[in-house]
Amino acid sequence: MIRSLPNILTVLRLLAAPAIALVFFVLPRPFADWAALILFVGASVTDWLDGRLARSWNQTSMFGTMLDPIADKAMVLIALMVVVGLTGMPFLVTAPATIILFREVFVSGLREFLGDTAGRLKVTKLAKWKTMVQMVAISVLLAQGIPAHEFGARSFGMDNAMIGAVLGGDEPDAVGLRFFWQAALYAYWAGVALLWLAAVLTFVTGLDYFRKALPFLRDEAGK
């Protein structure tokens, strides 16, 4: 079942999902941030690659068809959990993450309820864009932890007044604080903006799936 390369890539992506969180328990930061980022980006690439290889090599299988969406959801949901934890659960990150989590659970439950008829709920182009934006947003927010940690390490021992003076240009920036501060700040706001865009697309595609499922739900209710 798993001897074909597309299926092997899918299994590796599934294994990478919990590793994105577990690296923070076995590695110090920022090495854990780097490891989580590499795992997530690598898994995201395999998400595109395994499907392409399976179609071009005619190696599609029931095993891969079953496991692929599970691996995708596990990767995104665990990475979102990590991002929310690392950023300290601010509203701007927690709210869109909650919308994404709710939609994934809702659509998964809807597909399970529909059973055999769930195959009629085809993945739309907008849903594919949603997935891509989610992955980019999460990658940026995972990357944000690297300059943020470096800023904290380089400013260790400085009081707030000294840090403010260095960032404001009143004191020499001997350790590159301004660079890491700006890198962390820009990455954070870019990641937040992309995450909100992903949440909007997630909400819209969730409503679209529900609308398409309504005729099947009415049929069930009428029996």
Protein backbone atom coordinates (compact mmCIF):
# COMPACT_ATOMS: atom_id res chain seq x y z
CA MET A 1 0.00 0.00 0.00
CA ILE A 2 2.71 2.48 0.93
CA ARG A 3 5.48 1.34 -1.43
CA SER A 4 4.69 3.93 -4.10
CA LEU A 5 6.53 7.24 -3.79
CA PRO A 6 3.32 9.37 -3.59
CA ASN A 7 2.07 7.28 -0.65
CA ILE A 8 5.46 7.42 1.06
CA LEU A 9 5.40 11.23 0.79
CA THR A 10 1.89 11.30 2.25
CA VAL A 11 2.97 9.12 5.20
CA LEU A 12 6.00 11.35 5.79
CA ARG A 13 3.73 14.40 5.79
CA LEU A 14 1.47 12.74 8.35
CA LEU A 15 4.48 11.97 10.58
CA ALA A 16 5.77 15.53 10.19
CA ALA A 17 2.52 16.95 11.62
CA PRO A 18 3.07 16.00 15.30
CA ALA A 19 6.82 16.60 14.92
CA ILE A 20 6.09 20.31 14.28
CA ALA A 21 4.92 20.57 17.89
CA LEU A 22 7.24 18.02 19.51
CA VAL A 23 10.45 19.72 18.33
CA PHE A 24 9.81 22.49 20.87
CA PHE A 25 10.14 19.92 23.67
CA VAL A 26 13.42 18.42 22.47
CA LEU A 27 15.25 21.39 20.94
CA PRO A 28 16.09 24.81 22.36
CA ARG A 29 14.92 27.88 20.53
CA PRO A 30 15.61 29.12 17.88
CA PHE A 31 16.63 25.62 16.66
CA ALA A 32 13.11 24.39 17.39
CA ASP A 33 11.67 27.27 15.34
CA TRP A 34 13.92 26.39 12.43
CA ALA A 35 13.04 22.69 12.69
CA ALA A 36 9.28 23.41 12.83
CA LEU A 37 9.54 25.77 9.85
CA ILE A 38 11.53 23.27 7.76
CA LEU A 39 9.14 20.44 8.65
CA PHE A 40 6.07 22.50 7.78
CA VAL A 41 7.43 23.90 4.52
CA GLY A 42 8.74 20.47 3.51
CA ALA A 43 5.38 18.87 4.30
CA SER A 44 3.58 21.61 2.34
CA VAL A 45 5.75 20.89 -0.70
CA THR A 46 4.97 17.16 -0.49
CA ASP A 47 1.26 18.03 -0.39
CA TRP A 48 1.61 19.41 -3.91
CA LEU A 49 4.18 16.86 -5.06
CA ASP A 50 2.54 13.58 -4.04
CA GLY A 51 -0.73 14.34 -5.80
CA ARG A 52 1.08 15.45 -8.95
CA LEU A 53 3.24 12.32 -8.99
CA ALA A 54 0.29 10.02 -8.31
CA ARG A 55 -1.61 11.44 -11.28
CA SER A 56 1.32 11.59 -13.70
CA TRP A 57 2.55 8.08 -12.78
CA ASN A 58 -0.97 6.64 -12.55
CA GLN A 59 -0.29 5.53 -8.97
CA THR A 60 -3.47 6.75 -7.31
CA SER A 61 -4.73 4.38 -4.61
CA MET A 62 -7.49 4.13 -2.05
CA PHE A 63 -4.85 4.27 0.69
CA GLY A 64 -3.45 7.57 -0.63
CA THR A 65 -6.92 8.99 -1.25
CA MET A 66 -7.88 8.21 2.35
CA LEU A 67 -4.66 9.39 3.99
CA ASP A 68 -3.98 12.56 1.99
CA PRO A 69 -6.73 14.78 3.50
CA ILE A 70 -5.98 13.41 6.98
CA ALA A 71 -2.31 14.36 6.63
CA ASP A 72 -3.24 17.82 5.29
CA LYS A 73 -5.62 18.58 8.14
CA ALA A 74 -3.29 17.21 10.82
CA MET A 75 -0.42 19.32 9.50
CA VAL A 76 -2.42 22.56 9.35
CA LEU A 77 -4.27 22.12 12.65
CA ILE A 78 -1.20 21.14 14.68
CA ALA A 79 0.85 23.95 13.15
CA LEU A 80 -1.95 26.41 13.97
CA MET A 81 -1.95 25.20 17.56
CA VAL A 82 1.80 25.77 17.72
CA VAL A 83 1.53 29.27 16.23
CA VAL A 84 -1.22 30.28 18.66
CA GLY A 85 0.87 29.02 21.58
CA LEU A 86 4.10 30.68 20.45
CA THR A 87 2.43 34.06 19.91
CA GLY A 88 0.76 33.99 23.35
CA MET A 89 -2.85 33.61 22.14
CA PRO A 90 -3.47 37.20 20.98
CA PHE A 91 -6.91 37.88 19.50
CA LEU A 92 -5.48 38.69 16.06
CA VAL A 93 -4.03 35.18 15.81
CA THR A 94 -6.46 33.17 17.94
CA ALA A 95 -9.65 34.40 16.22
CA PRO A 96 -8.73 33.42 12.63
CA ALA A 97 -7.17 30.18 13.89
CA THR A 98 -10.46 29.36 15.64
CA ILE A 99 -12.44 30.01 12.43
CA ILE A 100 -10.12 27.70 10.50
CA LEU A 101 -10.28 24.98 13.16
CA PHE A 102 -14.08 25.18 13.37
CA ARG A 103 -14.48 24.96 9.59
CA GLU A 104 -12.20 21.94 9.30
CA VAL A 105 -14.08 20.07 12.02
CA PHE A 106 -17.45 21.10 10.58
CA VAL A 107 -16.64 20.03 7.00
CA SER A 108 -15.05 16.77 8.18
CA GLY A 109 -18.16 15.97 10.20
CA LEU A 110 -20.36 16.91 7.25
CA ARG A 111 -18.45 14.60 4.92
CA GLU A 112 -18.62 11.77 7.45
CA PHE A 113 -22.38 12.20 7.84
CA LEU A 114 -22.95 12.25 4.07
CA GLY A 115 -21.00 9.01 3.65
CA ASP A 116 -20.94 7.85 0.02
CA THR A 117 -22.57 11.04 -1.23
CA ALA A 118 -19.71 13.14 0.19
CA GLY A 119 -17.79 12.45 -3.02
CA ARG A 120 -20.11 14.87 -4.79
CA LEU A 121 -18.69 17.72 -2.73
CA LYS A 122 -15.75 18.38 -5.01
CA VAL A 123 -12.78 20.47 -3.91
CA THR A 124 -13.09 23.87 -5.58
CA LYS A 125 -10.34 26.15 -6.87
CA LEU A 126 -11.16 28.58 -4.06
CA ALA A 127 -10.61 25.79 -1.52
CA LYS A 128 -7.21 25.11 -3.07
CA TRP A 129 -6.34 28.80 -2.79
CA LYS A 130 -7.52 28.68 0.82
CA THR A 131 -5.12 25.83 1.56
CA MET A 132 -2.22 27.65 -0.09
CA VAL A 133 -2.87 30.88 1.83
CA GLN A 134 -3.14 28.90 5.08
CA MET A 135 0.23 27.26 4.48
CA VAL A 136 1.96 30.53 3.58
CA ALA A 137 0.45 32.30 6.62
CA ILE A 138 1.54 29.55 9.00
CA SER A 139 5.02 29.44 7.45
CA VAL A 140 5.45 33.19 7.94
CA LEU A 141 4.25 33.04 11.55
CA LEU A 142 6.55 30.11 12.32
CA ALA A 143 9.43 32.04 10.75
CA GLN A 144 8.55 35.09 12.88
CA GLY A 145 9.68 33.26 15.99
CA ILE A 146 13.28 33.14 14.72
CA PRO A 147 14.02 36.91 14.65
CA ALA A 148 11.80 37.41 17.71
CA HIS A 149 13.90 34.96 19.73
CA GLU A 150 17.11 36.45 18.37
CA PHE A 151 15.96 39.92 19.43
CA GLY A 152 15.24 38.64 22.94
CA ALA A 153 18.62 36.95 23.16
CA ARG A 154 20.55 39.99 21.93
CA SER A 155 18.68 42.39 24.21
CA PHE A 156 19.19 40.20 27.29
CA GLY A 157 20.40 42.31 30.20
CA MET A 158 19.15 45.59 28.73
CA ASP A 159 16.35 47.47 30.43
CA ASN A 160 13.39 48.86 28.52
CA ALA A 161 14.88 52.33 28.41
CA MET A 162 18.08 51.08 26.78
CA ILE A 163 16.17 48.93 24.28
CA GLY A 164 13.96 51.90 23.40
CA ALA A 165 17.03 54.12 22.95
CA VAL A 166 18.69 51.61 20.64
CA LEU A 167 15.55 51.09 18.57
CA GLY A 168 14.99 54.84 18.42
CA GLY A 169 18.52 55.49 17.19
CA ASP A 170 19.62 57.39 20.30
CA GLU A 171 22.14 54.68 21.21
CA PRO A 172 24.46 52.72 18.89
CA ASP A 173 23.04 49.39 17.70
CA ALA A 174 26.09 47.22 18.28
CA VAL A 175 24.23 43.88 18.22
CA GLY A 176 21.75 44.49 15.40
CA LEU A 177 18.63 44.89 17.53
CA ARG A 178 16.83 47.08 14.99
CA PHE A 179 17.18 44.49 12.23
CA PHE A 180 15.74 41.63 14.28
CA TRP A 181 13.00 43.85 15.75
CA GLN A 182 11.87 44.96 12.30
CA ALA A 183 12.14 41.43 10.86
CA ALA A 184 9.99 40.01 13.68
CA LEU A 185 7.50 42.88 13.42
CA TYR A 186 7.07 42.66 9.64
CA ALA A 187 6.82 38.86 9.71
CA TYR A 188 4.20 39.00 12.48
CA TRP A 189 1.91 41.49 10.73
CA ALA A 190 2.34 39.81 7.34
CA GLY A 191 1.50 36.47 8.93
CA VAL A 192 -1.53 37.90 10.74
CA ALA A 193 -2.85 39.52 7.54
CA LEU A 194 -2.43 36.27 5.60
CA LEU A 195 -4.04 34.27 8.42
CA TRP A 196 -7.11 36.52 8.37
CA LEU A 197 -7.30 36.17 4.59
CA ALA A 198 -7.10 32.40 5.03
CA ALA A 199 -9.86 32.57 7.66
CA VAL A 200 -12.13 34.51 5.28
CA LEU A 201 -11.50 32.01 2.47
CA THR A 202 -12.02 29.17 4.94
CA PHE A 203 -15.37 30.60 6.04
CA VAL A 204 -16.54 31.16 2.45
CA THR A 205 -15.56 27.67 1.30
CA GLY A 206 -17.18 26.16 4.40
CA LEU A 207 -20.45 27.92 3.56
CA ASP A 208 -20.13 26.69 -0.02
CA TYR A 209 -19.75 23.06 1.11
CA PHE A 210 -22.73 23.43 3.44
CA ARG A 211 -24.86 24.94 0.67
CA LYS A 212 -23.97 22.07 -1.67
CA ALA A 213 -24.73 19.53 1.07
CA LEU A 214 -28.18 20.96 1.90
CA PRO A 215 -30.10 18.91 -0.71
CA PHE A 216 -28.65 15.68 0.73
CA LEU A 217 -29.46 16.81 4.27
CA ARG A 218 -33.08 17.58 3.29
CA ASP A 219 -33.39 14.16 1.70
CA GLU A 220 -32.20 12.54 4.91
CA ALA A 221 -34.58 14.62 6.98
CA GLY A 222 -37.55 13.68 4.78
CA LYS A 223 -37.09 9.92 5.19
